[in-house]
């Protein structure tokens, strides 16, 4: 896993944990979608891979 994917994994996990602590509803798909719309097109594959990594970590 390269550093860009690791960065996005950490961002997604931090957002999920923050939302959990604040008792906000959080959806991993929505978080990834927001990243895809706000980040550069060059990071599309990295964000998608990070989404899969976080999803796998959550589901075990």
C-alpha atoms as a PDB file:
ATOM      1  CA  UNK A   1       0.000   0.000   0.000  1.00  0.00           C
ATOM      2  CA  UNK A   2       1.496   3.337  -0.990  1.00  0.00           C
ATOM      3  CA  UNK A   3       1.530   6.471   1.140  1.00  0.00           C
ATOM      4  CA  UNK A   4      -1.354   8.105  -0.710  1.00  0.00           C
ATOM      5  CA  UNK A   5      -3.653   5.168  -0.011  1.00  0.00           C
ATOM      6  CA  UNK A   6      -2.491   5.091   3.615  1.00  0.00           C
ATOM      7  CA  UNK A   7      -3.259   8.809   3.906  1.00  0.00           C
ATOM      8  CA  UNK A   8      -6.824   8.324   2.656  1.00  0.00           C
ATOM      9  CA  UNK A   9      -7.340   5.252   4.857  1.00  0.00           C
ATOM     10  CA  UNK A  10      -6.335   7.327   7.878  1.00  0.00           C
ATOM     11  CA  UNK A  11      -8.599  10.193   6.798  1.00  0.00           C
ATOM     12  CA  UNK A  12     -11.605   7.901   6.383  1.00  0.00           C
ATOM     13  CA  UNK A  13     -11.003   6.164   9.704  1.00  0.00           C
ATOM     14  CA  UNK A  14     -10.541   9.501  11.480  1.00  0.00           C
ATOM     15  CA  UNK A  15     -13.790  10.812  10.025  1.00  0.00           C
ATOM     16  CA  UNK A  16     -15.657   7.666  11.056  1.00  0.00           C
ATOM     17  CA  UNK A  17     -14.277   7.799  14.596  1.00  0.00           C
ATOM     18  CA  UNK A  18     -14.964  11.511  14.912  1.00  0.00           C
ATOM     19  CA  UNK A  19     -18.552  11.043  13.792  1.00  0.00           C
ATOM     20  CA  UNK A  20     -18.946   8.152  16.213  1.00  0.00           C
ATOM     21  CA  UNK A  21     -17.598  10.229  19.112  1.00  0.00           C
ATOM     22  CA  UNK A  22     -19.895  13.125  18.212  1.00  0.00           C
ATOM     23  CA  UNK A  23     -22.821  10.721  17.811  1.00  0.00           C
ATOM     24  CA  UNK A  24     -23.309  11.789  14.198  1.00  0.00           C
ATOM     25  CA  UNK A  25     -24.496   9.308  11.648  1.00  0.00           C
ATOM     26  CA  UNK A  26     -21.630   8.283   9.443  1.00  0.00           C
ATOM     27  CA  UNK A  27     -21.538   6.341   6.215  1.00  0.00           C
ATOM     28  CA  UNK A  28     -18.262   5.120   4.743  1.00  0.00           C
ATOM     29  CA  UNK A  29     -19.628   5.337   1.208  1.00  0.00           C
ATOM     30  CA  UNK A  30     -20.621   8.982   1.715  1.00  0.00           C
ATOM     31  CA  UNK A  31     -17.212   9.810   3.169  1.00  0.00           C
ATOM     32  CA  UNK A  32     -15.478   8.247   0.154  1.00  0.00           C
ATOM     33  CA  UNK A  33     -17.862   9.991  -2.236  1.00  0.00           C
ATOM     34  CA  UNK A  34     -17.142  13.365  -0.625  1.00  0.00           C
ATOM     35  CA  UNK A  35     -13.421  12.723  -0.984  1.00  0.00           C
ATOM     36  CA  UNK A  36     -13.845  11.782  -4.631  1.00  0.00           C
ATOM     37  CA  UNK A  37     -15.675  15.022  -5.352  1.00  0.00           C
ATOM     38  CA  UNK A  38     -13.267  17.268  -3.463  1.00  0.00           C
ATOM     39  CA  UNK A  39      -9.868  15.710  -4.208  1.00  0.00           C
ATOM     40  CA  UNK A  40      -7.962  15.786  -7.463  1.00  0.00           C
ATOM     41  CA  UNK A  41      -8.834  13.328 -10.200  1.00  0.00           C
ATOM     42  CA  UNK A  42      -5.329  11.868  -9.884  1.00  0.00           C
ATOM     43  CA  UNK A  43      -6.233  10.431  -6.464  1.00  0.00           C
ATOM     44  CA  UNK A  44      -9.366   8.630  -7.666  1.00  0.00           C
ATOM     45  CA  UNK A  45      -7.806   5.149  -7.614  1.00  0.00           C
ATOM     46  CA  UNK A  46      -6.153   5.747  -4.247  1.00  0.00           C
ATOM     47  CA  UNK A  47      -9.423   6.844  -2.654  1.00  0.00           C
ATOM     48  CA  UNK A  48     -11.231   3.824  -4.087  1.00  0.00           C
ATOM     49  CA  UNK A  49      -8.534   1.498  -2.760  1.00  0.00           C
ATOM     50  CA  UNK A  50      -8.641   3.212   0.635  1.00  0.00           C
ATOM     51  CA  UNK A  51     -12.409   2.721   0.726  1.00  0.00           C
ATOM     52  CA  UNK A  52     -11.934  -1.012   0.152  1.00  0.00           C
ATOM     53  CA  UNK A  53      -9.239  -1.226   2.843  1.00  0.00           C
ATOM     54  CA  UNK A  54     -11.386   0.536   5.449  1.00  0.00           C
ATOM     55  CA  UNK A  55     -14.440  -1.525   4.493  1.00  0.00           C
ATOM     56  CA  UNK A  56     -12.408  -4.724   4.865  1.00  0.00           C
ATOM     57  CA  UNK A  57     -11.059  -3.549   8.245  1.00  0.00           C
ATOM     58  CA  UNK A  58     -14.561  -2.808   9.513  1.00  0.00           C
ATOM     59  CA  UNK A  59     -16.081  -6.078   8.327  1.00  0.00           C
ATOM     60  CA  UNK A  60     -13.136  -8.175   9.419  1.00  0.00           C
END
